[in-house]
Amino acid sequence: MAELGAGGLPVGDPALNYQEHELTERLKRLYPAVNEEESPLPRSWSPKDKYSYIGLSQNNLRVHYKGHGKNHKDAASVRATHPIPAACGIYYFEVKIVSKGRDG
């Protein structure tokens, strides 16, 4: 089975290379003071730094909750692969909640 990269495309796929190049160029324009070799920008959720009730999919870009959600002890969190570099100044990201679950 082929190794998958960003967007679920096979590594080495020309479309993937184009997407990665476009993303890199856009991030350089948005955060010109950041040297990604020294301080990489967060690009996905960390499979190593998450609570056990958290599942990741779509190349670690999608998060789903696998817990019971009955009380505060069922809370869970996940961190990005890298912290936001201080050189960013202001950093913008969005999270879309697609379902509150059965018990909200």
PDB file of N, CA and C in Angstrom:
ATOM      1  N   MET A   1       0.844  -1.184   0.000  1.00  0.00           N
ATOM      2  CA  MET A   1       0.000   0.000   0.000  1.00  0.00           C
ATOM      3  C   MET A   1       0.888   1.246   0.000  1.00  0.00           C
ATOM      4  N   ALA A   2       0.538   2.235  -0.790  1.00  0.00           N
ATOM      5  CA  ALA A   2       1.333   3.451  -0.919  1.00  0.00           C
ATOM      6  C   ALA A   2       1.237   4.297   0.343  1.00  0.00           C
ATOM      7  N   GLU A   3       2.351   4.922   0.699  1.00  0.00           N
ATOM      8  CA  GLU A   3       2.368   5.852   1.822  1.00  0.00           C
ATOM      9  C   GLU A   3       1.595   7.094   1.416  1.00  0.00           C
ATOM     10  N   LEU A   4       0.738   7.586   2.336  1.00  0.00           N
ATOM     11  CA  LEU A   4      -0.080   8.752   2.025  1.00  0.00           C
ATOM     12  C   LEU A   4       0.503   9.992   2.665  1.00  0.00           C
ATOM     13  N   GLY A   5       0.415  11.100   1.956  1.00  0.00           N
ATOM     14  CA  GLY A   5       0.872  12.380   2.472  1.00  0.00           C
ATOM     15  C   GLY A   5      -0.315  13.281   2.760  1.00  0.00           C
ATOM     16  N   ALA A   6      -0.078  14.597   2.788  1.00  0.00           N
ATOM     17  CA  ALA A   6      -1.131  15.568   3.071  1.00  0.00           C
ATOM     18  C   ALA A   6      -2.264  15.429   2.065  1.00  0.00           C
ATOM     19  N   GLY A   7      -3.487  15.527   2.547  1.00  0.00           N
ATOM     20  CA  GLY A   7      -4.650  15.436   1.676  1.00  0.00           C
ATOM     21  C   GLY A   7      -4.975  14.027   1.235  1.00  0.00           C
ATOM     22  N   GLY A   8      -4.273  13.027   1.772  1.00  0.00           N
ATOM     23  CA  GLY A   8      -4.558  11.640   1.443  1.00  0.00           C
ATOM     24  C   GLY A   8      -4.026  11.195   0.093  1.00  0.00           C
ATOM     25  N   LEU A   9      -3.158  11.988  -0.534  1.00  0.00           N
ATOM     26  CA  LEU A   9      -2.580  11.621  -1.824  1.00  0.00           C
ATOM     27  C   LEU A   9      -1.295  10.833  -1.610  1.00  0.00           C
ATOM     28  N   PRO A  10      -0.978   9.919  -2.503  1.00  0.00           N
ATOM     29  CA  PRO A  10       0.249   9.129  -2.350  1.00  0.00           C
ATOM     30  C   PRO A  10       1.500  10.003  -2.381  1.00  0.00           C
ATOM     31  N   VAL A  11       2.477   9.672  -1.506  1.00  0.00           N
ATOM     32  CA  VAL A  11       3.750  10.383  -1.501  1.00  0.00           C
ATOM     33  C   VAL A  11       4.392  10.206  -2.873  1.00  0.00           C
ATOM     34  N   GLY A  12       4.949  11.268  -3.412  1.00  0.00           N
ATOM     35  CA  GLY A  12       5.528  11.223  -4.747  1.00  0.00           C
ATOM     36  C   GLY A  12       4.528  11.605  -5.827  1.00  0.00           C
ATOM     37  N   ASP A  13       3.260  11.738  -5.453  1.00  0.00           N
ATOM     38  CA  ASP A  13       2.210  12.127  -6.393  1.00  0.00           C
ATOM     39  C   ASP A  13       2.429  13.591  -6.790  1.00  0.00           C
ATOM     40  N   PRO A  14       2.432  13.916  -8.096  1.00  0.00           N
ATOM     41  CA  PRO A  14       2.647  15.303  -8.522  1.00  0.00           C
ATOM     42  C   PRO A  14       1.635  16.274  -7.912  1.00  0.00           C
ATOM     43  N   ALA A  15       0.388  15.835  -7.741  1.00  0.00           N
ATOM     44  CA  ALA A  15      -0.621  16.713  -7.141  1.00  0.00           C
ATOM     45  C   ALA A  15      -0.262  17.021  -5.694  1.00  0.00           C
ATOM     46  N   LEU A  16       0.250  16.032  -4.976  1.00  0.00           N
ATOM     47  CA  LEU A  16       0.664  16.237  -3.589  1.00  0.00           C
ATOM     48  C   LEU A  16       1.845  17.192  -3.538  1.00  0.00           C
ATOM     49  N   ASN A  17       2.832  16.992  -4.391  1.00  0.00           N
ATOM     50  CA  ASN A  17       3.990  17.883  -4.419  1.00  0.00           C
ATOM     51  C   ASN A  17       3.557  19.318  -4.684  1.00  0.00           C
ATOM     52  N   TYR A  18       2.601  19.502  -5.588  1.00  0.00           N
ATOM     53  CA  TYR A  18       2.090  20.834  -5.896  1.00  0.00           C
ATOM     54  C   TYR A  18       1.392  21.430  -4.675  1.00  0.00           C
ATOM     55  N   GLN A  19       0.532  20.639  -4.007  1.00  0.00           N
ATOM     56  CA  GLN A  19      -0.175  21.124  -2.821  1.00  0.00           C
ATOM     57  C   GLN A  19       0.801  21.511  -1.721  1.00  0.00           C
ATOM     58  N   GLU A  20       1.798  20.681  -1.481  1.00  0.00           N
ATOM     59  CA  GLU A  20       2.777  20.987  -0.441  1.00  0.00           C
ATOM     60  C   GLU A  20       3.567  22.244  -0.787  1.00  0.00           C
ATOM     61  N   HIS A  21       3.932  22.389  -2.045  1.00  0.00           N
ATOM     62  CA  HIS A  21       4.657  23.585  -2.484  1.00  0.00           C
ATOM     63  C   HIS A  21       3.795  24.830  -2.287  1.00  0.00           C
ATOM     64  N   GLU A  22       2.532  24.758  -2.700  1.00  0.00           N
ATOM     65  CA  GLU A  22       1.622  25.896  -2.545  1.00  0.00           C
ATOM     66  C   GLU A  22       1.430  26.249  -1.072  1.00  0.00           C
ATOM     67  N   LEU A  23       1.281  25.245  -0.214  1.00  0.00           N
ATOM     68  CA  LEU A  23       1.129  25.491   1.220  1.00  0.00           C
ATOM     69  C   LEU A  23       2.377  26.154   1.780  1.00  0.00           C
ATOM     70  N   THR A  24       3.533  25.630   1.437  1.00  0.00           N
ATOM     71  CA  THR A  24       4.794  26.197   1.921  1.00  0.00           C
ATOM     72  C   THR A  24       4.941  27.645   1.485  1.00  0.00           C
ATOM     73  N   GLU A  25       4.637  27.935   0.240  1.00  0.00           N
ATOM     74  CA  GLU A  25       4.742  29.309  -0.268  1.00  0.00           C
ATOM     75  C   GLU A  25       3.751  30.239   0.434  1.00  0.00           C
ATOM     76  N   ARG A  26       2.544  29.760   0.660  1.00  0.00           N
ATOM     77  CA  ARG A  26       1.540  30.592   1.346  1.00  0.00           C
ATOM     78  C   ARG A  26       1.972  30.885   2.776  1.00  0.00           C
ATOM     79  N   LEU A  27       2.490  29.882   3.472  1.00  0.00           N
ATOM     80  CA  LEU A  27       2.951  30.090   4.843  1.00  0.00           C
ATOM     81  C   LEU A  27       4.131  31.054   4.894  1.00  0.00           C
ATOM     82  N   LYS A  28       5.005  31.011   3.906  1.00  0.00           N
ATOM     83  CA  LYS A  28       6.125  31.959   3.847  1.00  0.00           C
ATOM     84  C   LYS A  28       5.616  33.389   3.699  1.00  0.00           C
ATOM     85  N   ARG A  29       4.551  33.570   2.897  1.00  0.00           N
ATOM     86  CA  ARG A  29       3.969  34.907   2.722  1.00  0.00           C
ATOM     87  C   ARG A  29       3.271  35.373   3.995  1.00  0.00           C
ATOM     88  N   LEU A  30       2.572  34.460   4.666  1.00  0.00           N
ATOM     89  CA  LEU A  30       1.836  34.826   5.876  1.00  0.00           C
ATOM     90  C   LEU A  30       2.746  35.069   7.076  1.00  0.00           C
ATOM     91  N   TYR A  31       3.830  34.299   7.168  1.00  0.00           N
ATOM     92  CA  TYR A  31       4.717  34.359   8.331  1.00  0.00           C
ATOM     93  C   TYR A  31       6.167  34.516   7.880  1.00  0.00           C
ATOM     94  N   PRO A  32       6.503  35.672   7.277  1.00  0.00           N
ATOM     95  CA  PRO A  32       7.846  35.846   6.713  1.00  0.00           C
ATOM     96  C   PRO A  32       8.966  35.828   7.751  1.00  0.00           C
ATOM     97  N   ALA A  33       8.668  36.126   9.004  1.00  0.00           N
ATOM     98  CA  ALA A  33       9.704  36.162  10.039  1.00  0.00           C
ATOM     99  C   ALA A  33      10.042  34.778  10.588  1.00  0.00           C
ATOM    100  N   VAL A  34       9.279  33.760  10.195  1.00  0.00           N
ATOM    101  CA  VAL A  34       9.487  32.410  10.732  1.00  0.00           C
ATOM    102  C   VAL A  34      10.475  31.645   9.858  1.00  0.00           C
ATOM    103  N   ASN A  35      11.495  31.096  10.494  1.00  0.00           N
ATOM    104  CA  ASN A  35      12.426  30.192   9.830  1.00  0.00           C
ATOM    105  C   ASN A  35      11.984  28.781  10.198  1.00  0.00           C
ATOM    106  N   GLU A  36      11.355  28.082   9.268  1.00  0.00           N
ATOM    107  CA  GLU A  36      10.785  26.765   9.584  1.00  0.00           C
ATOM    108  C   GLU A  36      11.835  25.706   9.884  1.00  0.00           C
ATOM    109  N   GLU A  37      13.078  25.939   9.495  1.00  0.00           N
ATOM    110  CA  GLU A  37      14.128  24.988   9.860  1.00  0.00           C
ATOM    111  C   GLU A  37      14.419  25.066  11.356  1.00  0.00           C
ATOM    112  N   GLU A  38      14.269  26.268  11.937  1.00  0.00           N
ATOM    113  CA  GLU A  38      14.496  26.459  13.372  1.00  0.00           C
ATOM    114  C   GLU A  38      13.224  26.247  14.179  1.00  0.00           C
ATOM    115  N   SER A  39      12.111  26.757  13.686  1.00  0.00           N
ATOM    116  CA  SER A  39      10.827  26.699  14.394  1.00  0.00           C
ATOM    117  C   SER A  39       9.727  26.313  13.418  1.00  0.00           C
ATOM    118  N   PRO A  40       9.500  25.020  13.203  1.00  0.00           N
ATOM    119  CA  PRO A  40       8.468  24.606  12.245  1.00  0.00           C
ATOM    120  C   PRO A  40       7.076  25.064  12.672  1.00  0.00           C
ATOM    121  N   LEU A  41       6.270  25.392  11.693  1.00  0.00           N
ATOM    122  CA  LEU A  41       4.880  25.751  11.959  1.00  0.00           C
ATOM    123  C   LEU A  41       4.062  24.487  12.200  1.00  0.00           C
ATOM    124  N   PRO A  42       3.026  24.586  13.042  1.00  0.00           N
ATOM    125  CA  PRO A  42       2.152  23.427  13.225  1.00  0.00           C
ATOM    126  C   PRO A  42       1.379  23.161  11.938  1.00  0.00           C
ATOM    127  N   ARG A  43       1.346  21.894  11.520  1.00  0.00           N
ATOM    128  CA  ARG A  43       0.652  21.543  10.276  1.00  0.00           C
ATOM    129  C   ARG A  43      -0.344  20.412  10.455  1.00  0.00           C
ATOM    130  N   SER A  44      -0.293  19.746  11.604  1.00  0.00           N
ATOM    131  CA  SER A  44      -1.241  18.660  11.861  1.00  0.00           C
ATOM    132  C   SER A  44      -1.295  18.398  13.362  1.00  0.00           C
ATOM    133  N   TRP A  45      -2.215  17.529  13.763  1.00  0.00           N
ATOM    134  CA  TRP A  45      -2.335  17.132  15.164  1.00  0.00           C
ATOM    135  C   TRP A  45      -1.306  16.054  15.483  1.00  0.00           C
ATOM    136  N   SER A  46      -0.822  16.060  16.706  1.00  0.00           N
ATOM    137  CA  SER A  46       0.222  15.116  17.107  1.00  0.00           C
ATOM    138  C   SER A  46      -0.369  13.780  17.555  1.00  0.00           C
ATOM    139  N   PRO A  47       0.005  12.690  16.906  1.00  0.00           N
ATOM    140  CA  PRO A  47      -0.469  11.378  17.355  1.00  0.00           C
ATOM    141  C   PRO A  47       0.193  10.951  18.665  1.00  0.00           C
ATOM    142  N   LYS A  48       1.276  11.631  19.057  1.00  0.00           N
ATOM    143  CA  LYS A  48       1.992  11.290  20.287  1.00  0.00           C
ATOM    144  C   LYS A  48       1.535  12.114  21.481  1.00  0.00           C
ATOM    145  N   ASP A  49       0.898  13.264  21.234  1.00  0.00           N
ATOM    146  CA  ASP A  49       0.528  14.176  22.314  1.00  0.00           C
ATOM    147  C   ASP A  49      -0.985  14.389  22.331  1.00  0.00           C
ATOM    148  N   LYS A  50      -1.687  13.312  22.680  1.00  0.00           N
ATOM    149  CA  LYS A  50      -3.147  13.356  22.729  1.00  0.00           C
ATOM    150  C   LYS A  50      -3.639  12.404  23.807  1.00  0.00           C
ATOM    151  N   TYR A  51      -4.847  12.653  24.289  1.00  0.00           N
ATOM    152  CA  TYR A  51      -5.458  11.773  25.271  1.00  0.00           C
ATOM    153  C   TYR A  51      -5.992  10.528  24.563  1.00  0.00           C
ATOM    154  N   SER A  52      -6.119   9.454  25.289  1.00  0.00           N
ATOM    155  CA  SER A  52      -6.535   8.183  24.674  1.00  0.00           C
ATOM    156  C   SER A  52      -7.950   8.229  24.086  1.00  0.00           C
ATOM    157  N   TYR A  53      -8.786   9.154  24.540  1.00  0.00           N
ATOM    158  CA  TYR A  53     -10.138   9.277  23.981  1.00  0.00           C
ATOM    159  C   TYR A  53     -10.149   9.990  22.629  1.00  0.00           C
ATOM    160  N   ILE A  54      -8.999  10.411  22.151  1.00  0.00           N
ATOM    161  CA  ILE A  54      -8.906  11.137  20.888  1.00  0.00           C
ATOM    162  C   ILE A  54      -8.388  10.207  19.800  1.00  0.00           C
ATOM    163  N   GLY A  55      -9.072  10.204  18.659  1.00  0.00           N
ATOM    164  CA  GLY A  55      -8.604   9.479  17.483  1.00  0.00           C
ATOM    165  C   GLY A  55      -8.266  10.475  16.387  1.00  0.00           C
ATOM    166  N   LEU A  56      -7.302  10.145  15.568  1.00  0.00           N
ATOM    167  CA  LEU A  56      -6.898  11.009  14.462  1.00  0.00           C
ATOM    168  C   LEU A  56      -7.086  10.273  13.145  1.00  0.00           C
ATOM    169  N   SER A  57      -7.435  11.021  12.101  1.00  0.00           N
ATOM    170  CA  SER A  57      -7.578  10.438  10.769  1.00  0.00           C
ATOM    171  C   SER A  57      -7.200  11.487   9.730  1.00  0.00           C
ATOM    172  N   GLN A  58      -7.295  11.111   8.474  1.00  0.00           N
ATOM    173  CA  GLN A  58      -6.975  11.985   7.342  1.00  0.00           C
ATOM    174  C   GLN A  58      -5.618  12.660   7.529  1.00  0.00           C
ATOM    175  N   ASN A  59      -4.603  11.796   7.694  1.00  0.00           N
ATOM    176  CA  ASN A  59      -3.219  12.258   7.834  1.00  0.00           C
ATOM    177  C   ASN A  59      -3.047  13.201   9.028  1.00  0.00           C
ATOM    178  N   ASN A  60      -3.737  12.885  10.117  1.00  0.00           N
ATOM    179  CA  ASN A  60      -3.684  13.651  11.371  1.00  0.00           C
ATOM    180  C   ASN A  60      -4.240  15.070  11.239  1.00  0.00           C
ATOM    181  N   LEU A  61      -5.143  15.271  10.294  1.00  0.00           N
ATOM    182  CA  LEU A  61      -5.796  16.566  10.128  1.00  0.00           C
ATOM    183  C   LEU A  61      -7.203  16.567  10.707  1.00  0.00           C
ATOM    184  N   ARG A  62      -7.763  15.405  10.984  1.00  0.00           N
ATOM    185  CA  ARG A  62      -9.113  15.290  11.536  1.00  0.00           C
ATOM    186  C   ARG A  62      -9.048  14.604  12.894  1.00  0.00           C
ATOM    187  N   VAL A  63      -9.797  15.160  13.850  1.00  0.00           N
ATOM    188  CA  VAL A  63      -9.850  14.635  15.218  1.00  0.00           C
ATOM    189  C   VAL A  63     -11.248  14.110  15.482  1.00  0.00           C
ATOM    190  N   HIS A  64     -11.346  12.961  16.138  1.00  0.00           N
ATOM    191  CA  HIS A  64     -12.653  12.495  16.595  1.00  0.00           C
ATOM    192  C   HIS A  64     -12.525  12.004  18.034  1.00  0.00           C
ATOM    193  N   TYR A  65     -13.587  12.213  18.775  1.00  0.00           N
ATOM    194  CA  TYR A  65     -13.643  11.866  20.193  1.00  0.00           C
ATOM    195  C   TYR A  65     -14.215  10.469  20.342  1.00  0.00           C
ATOM    196  N   LYS A  66     -13.533   9.624  21.118  1.00  0.00           N
ATOM    197  CA  LYS A  66     -13.953   8.232  21.276  1.00  0.00           C
ATOM    198  C   LYS A  66     -14.416   7.925  22.700  1.00  0.00           C
ATOM    199  N   GLY A  67     -14.542   8.949  23.535  1.00  0.00           N
ATOM    200  CA  GLY A  67     -14.911   8.725  24.932  1.00  0.00           C
ATOM    201  C   GLY A  67     -16.411   8.678  25.146  1.00  0.00           C
ATOM    202  N   HIS A  68     -16.791   8.647  26.427  1.00  0.00           N
ATOM    203  CA  HIS A  68     -18.209   8.568  26.793  1.00  0.00           C
ATOM    204  C   HIS A  68     -18.865   9.944  26.839  1.00  0.00           C
ATOM    205  N   GLY A  69     -18.132  10.965  27.261  1.00  0.00           N
ATOM    206  CA  GLY A  69     -18.669  12.319  27.312  1.00  0.00           C
ATOM    207  C   GLY A  69     -19.761  12.509  28.337  1.00  0.00           C
ATOM    208  N   LYS A  70     -19.733  11.743  29.418  1.00  0.00           N
ATOM    209  CA  LYS A  70     -20.787  11.826  30.438  1.00  0.00           C
ATOM    210  C   LYS A  70     -20.477  12.868  31.511  1.00  0.00           C
ATOM    211  N   ASN A  71     -19.189  13.092  31.832  1.00  0.00           N
ATOM    212  CA  ASN A  71     -18.838  14.078  32.856  1.00  0.00           C
ATOM    213  C   ASN A  71     -17.455  14.654  32.567  1.00  0.00           C
ATOM    214  N   HIS A  72     -16.996  15.529  33.474  1.00  0.00           N
ATOM    215  CA  HIS A  72     -15.731  16.223  33.246  1.00  0.00           C
ATOM    216  C   HIS A  72     -14.536  15.277  33.157  1.00  0.00           C
ATOM    217  N   LYS A  73     -14.628  14.100  33.730  1.00  0.00           N
ATOM    218  CA  LYS A  73     -13.523  13.142  33.671  1.00  0.00           C
ATOM    219  C   LYS A  73     -13.349  12.552  32.271  1.00  0.00           C
ATOM    220  N   ASP A  74     -14.324  12.749  31.409  1.00  0.00           N
ATOM    221  CA  ASP A  74     -14.258  12.243  30.038  1.00  0.00           C
ATOM    222  C   ASP A  74     -13.665  13.263  29.061  1.00  0.00           C
ATOM    223  N   ALA A  75     -13.220  14.412  29.582  1.00  0.00           N
ATOM    224  CA  ALA A  75     -12.642  15.444  28.715  1.00  0.00           C
ATOM    225  C   ALA A  75     -11.354  14.930  28.077  1.00  0.00           C
ATOM    226  N   ALA A  76     -11.024  15.460  26.922  1.00  0.00           N
ATOM    227  CA  ALA A  76      -9.820  15.034  26.214  1.00  0.00           C
ATOM    228  C   ALA A  76      -9.273  16.200  25.395  1.00  0.00           C
ATOM    229  N   SER A  77      -7.993  16.121  25.071  1.00  0.00           N
ATOM    230  CA  SER A  77      -7.368  17.165  24.263  1.00  0.00           C
ATOM    231  C   SER A  77      -6.283  16.569  23.377  1.00  0.00           C
ATOM    232  N   VAL A  78      -5.872  17.373  22.408  1.00  0.00           N
ATOM    233  CA  VAL A  78      -4.787  16.995  21.496  1.00  0.00           C
ATOM    234  C   VAL A  78      -4.000  18.265  21.189  1.00  0.00           C
ATOM    235  N   ARG A  79      -2.710  18.113  20.993  1.00  0.00           N
ATOM    236  CA  ARG A  79      -1.863  19.250  20.632  1.00  0.00           C
ATOM    237  C   ARG A  79      -1.391  19.099  19.190  1.00  0.00           C
ATOM    238  N   ALA A  80      -0.953  20.203  18.637  1.00  0.00           N
ATOM    239  CA  ALA A  80      -0.381  20.184  17.290  1.00  0.00           C
ATOM    240  C   ALA A  80       1.023  19.585  17.333  1.00  0.00           C
ATOM    241  N   THR A  81       1.544  19.273  16.169  1.00  0.00           N
ATOM    242  CA  THR A  81       2.878  18.677  16.080  1.00  0.00           C
ATOM    243  C   THR A  81       3.973  19.631  16.544  1.00  0.00           C
ATOM    244  N   HIS A  82       3.743  20.926  16.418  1.00  0.00           N
ATOM    245  CA  HIS A  82       4.721  21.934  16.836  1.00  0.00           C
ATOM    246  C   HIS A  82       3.973  23.103  17.458  1.00  0.00           C
ATOM    247  N   PRO A  83       4.588  23.800  18.424  1.00  0.00           N
ATOM    248  CA  PRO A  83       3.959  25.015  18.957  1.00  0.00           C
ATOM    249  C   PRO A  83       4.026  26.136  17.923  1.00  0.00           C
ATOM    250  N   ILE A  84       3.206  27.136  18.111  1.00  0.00           N
ATOM    251  CA  ILE A  84       3.217  28.296  17.227  1.00  0.00           C
ATOM    252  C   ILE A  84       4.477  29.101  17.539  1.00  0.00           C
ATOM    253  N   PRO A  85       5.340  29.336  16.561  1.00  0.00           N
ATOM    254  CA  PRO A  85       6.567  30.090  16.823  1.00  0.00           C
ATOM    255  C   PRO A  85       6.265  31.522  17.265  1.00  0.00           C
ATOM    256  N   ALA A  86       7.032  32.016  18.227  1.00  0.00           N
ATOM    257  CA  ALA A  86       6.851  33.386  18.712  1.00  0.00           C
ATOM    258  C   ALA A  86       7.032  34.403  17.587  1.00  0.00           C
ATOM    259  N   ALA A  87       7.853  34.073  16.596  1.00  0.00           N
ATOM    260  CA  ALA A  87       8.108  34.988  15.480  1.00  0.00           C
ATOM    261  C   ALA A  87       6.857  35.252  14.641  1.00  0.00           C
ATOM    262  N   CYS A  88       5.824  34.429  14.800  1.00  0.00           N
ATOM    263  CA  CYS A  88       4.583  34.631  14.034  1.00  0.00           C
ATOM    264  C   CYS A  88       3.890  35.922  14.425  1.00  0.00           C
ATOM    265  N   GLY A  89       4.010  36.313  15.685  1.00  0.00           N
ATOM    266  CA  GLY A  89       3.243  37.448  16.162  1.00  0.00           C
ATOM    267  C   GLY A  89       1.800  37.012  16.345  1.00  0.00           C
ATOM    268  N   ILE A  90       1.024  37.075  15.287  1.00  0.00           N
ATOM    269  CA  ILE A  90      -0.358  36.607  15.293  1.00  0.00           C
ATOM    270  C   ILE A  90      -0.431  35.364  14.418  1.00  0.00           C
ATOM    271  N   TYR A  91      -1.097  34.344  14.921  1.00  0.00           N
ATOM    272  CA  TYR A  91      -1.237  33.092  14.170  1.00  0.00           C
ATOM    273  C   TYR A  91      -2.714  32.751  14.130  1.00  0.00           C
ATOM    274  N   TYR A  92      -3.224  32.391  12.975  1.00  0.00           N
ATOM    275  CA  TYR A  92      -4.646  32.125  12.793  1.00  0.00           C
ATOM    276  C   TYR A  92      -4.876  30.674  12.399  1.00  0.00           C
ATOM    277  N   PHE A  93      -5.870  30.048  13.028  1.00  0.00           N
ATOM    278  CA  PHE A  93      -6.305  28.725  12.593  1.00  0.00           C
ATOM    279  C   PHE A  93      -7.784  28.581  12.914  1.00  0.00           C
ATOM    280  N   GLU A  94      -8.436  27.663  12.263  1.00  0.00           N
ATOM    281  CA  GLU A  94      -9.854  27.413  12.491  1.00  0.00           C
ATOM    282  C   GLU A  94     -10.070  25.964  12.873  1.00  0.00           C
ATOM    283  N   VAL A  95     -11.083  25.755  13.693  1.00  0.00           N
ATOM    284  CA  VAL A  95     -11.530  24.410  14.047  1.00  0.00           C
ATOM    285  C   VAL A  95     -13.024  24.371  13.781  1.00  0.00           C
ATOM    286  N   LYS A  96     -13.478  23.360  13.081  1.00  0.00           N
ATOM    287  CA  LYS A  96     -14.901  23.212  12.793  1.00  0.00           C
ATOM    288  C   LYS A  96     -15.429  22.016  13.578  1.00  0.00           C
ATOM    289  N   ILE A  97     -16.394  22.263  14.466  1.00  0.00           N
ATOM    290  CA  ILE A  97     -17.049  21.196  15.217  1.00  0.00           C
ATOM    291  C   ILE A  97     -18.202  20.701  14.351  1.00  0.00           C
ATOM    292  N   VAL A  98     -18.144  19.444  13.923  1.00  0.00           N
ATOM    293  CA  VAL A  98     -19.170  18.933  13.020  1.00  0.00           C
ATOM    294  C   VAL A  98     -20.269  18.181  13.758  1.00  0.00           C
ATOM    295  N   SER A  99     -20.033  17.816  15.010  1.00  0.00           N
ATOM    296  CA  SER A  99     -21.065  17.134  15.788  1.00  0.00           C
ATOM    297  C   SER A  99     -20.783  17.318  17.267  1.00  0.00           C
ATOM    298  N   LYS A 100     -21.824  17.633  18.032  1.00  0.00           N
ATOM    299  CA  LYS A 100     -21.657  17.745  19.479  1.00  0.00           C
ATOM    300  C   LYS A 100     -21.777  16.385  20.160  1.00  0.00           C
ATOM    301  N   GLY A 101     -22.073  15.358  19.411  1.00  0.00           N
ATOM    302  CA  GLY A 101     -22.219  14.026  19.989  1.00  0.00           C
ATOM    303  C   GLY A 101     -23.618  13.800  20.528  1.00  0.00           C
ATOM    304  N   ARG A 102     -23.847  12.627  21.043  1.00  0.00           N
ATOM    305  CA  ARG A 102     -25.175  12.265  21.526  1.00  0.00           C
ATOM    306  C   ARG A 102     -25.594  13.094  22.739  1.00  0.00           C
ATOM    307  N   ASP A 103     -24.675  13.314  23.672  1.00  0.00           N
ATOM    308  CA  ASP A 103     -25.031  14.000  24.910  1.00  0.00           C
ATOM    309  C   ASP A 103     -24.569  15.451  24.956  1.00  0.00           C
ATOM    310  N   GLY A 104     -23.910  15.916  23.903  1.00  0.00           N
ATOM    311  CA  GLY A 104     -23.485  17.303  23.803  1.00  0.00           C
ATOM    312  C   GLY A 104     -22.520  17.705  24.842  1.00  0.00           C
TER     313      GLY A 104
END
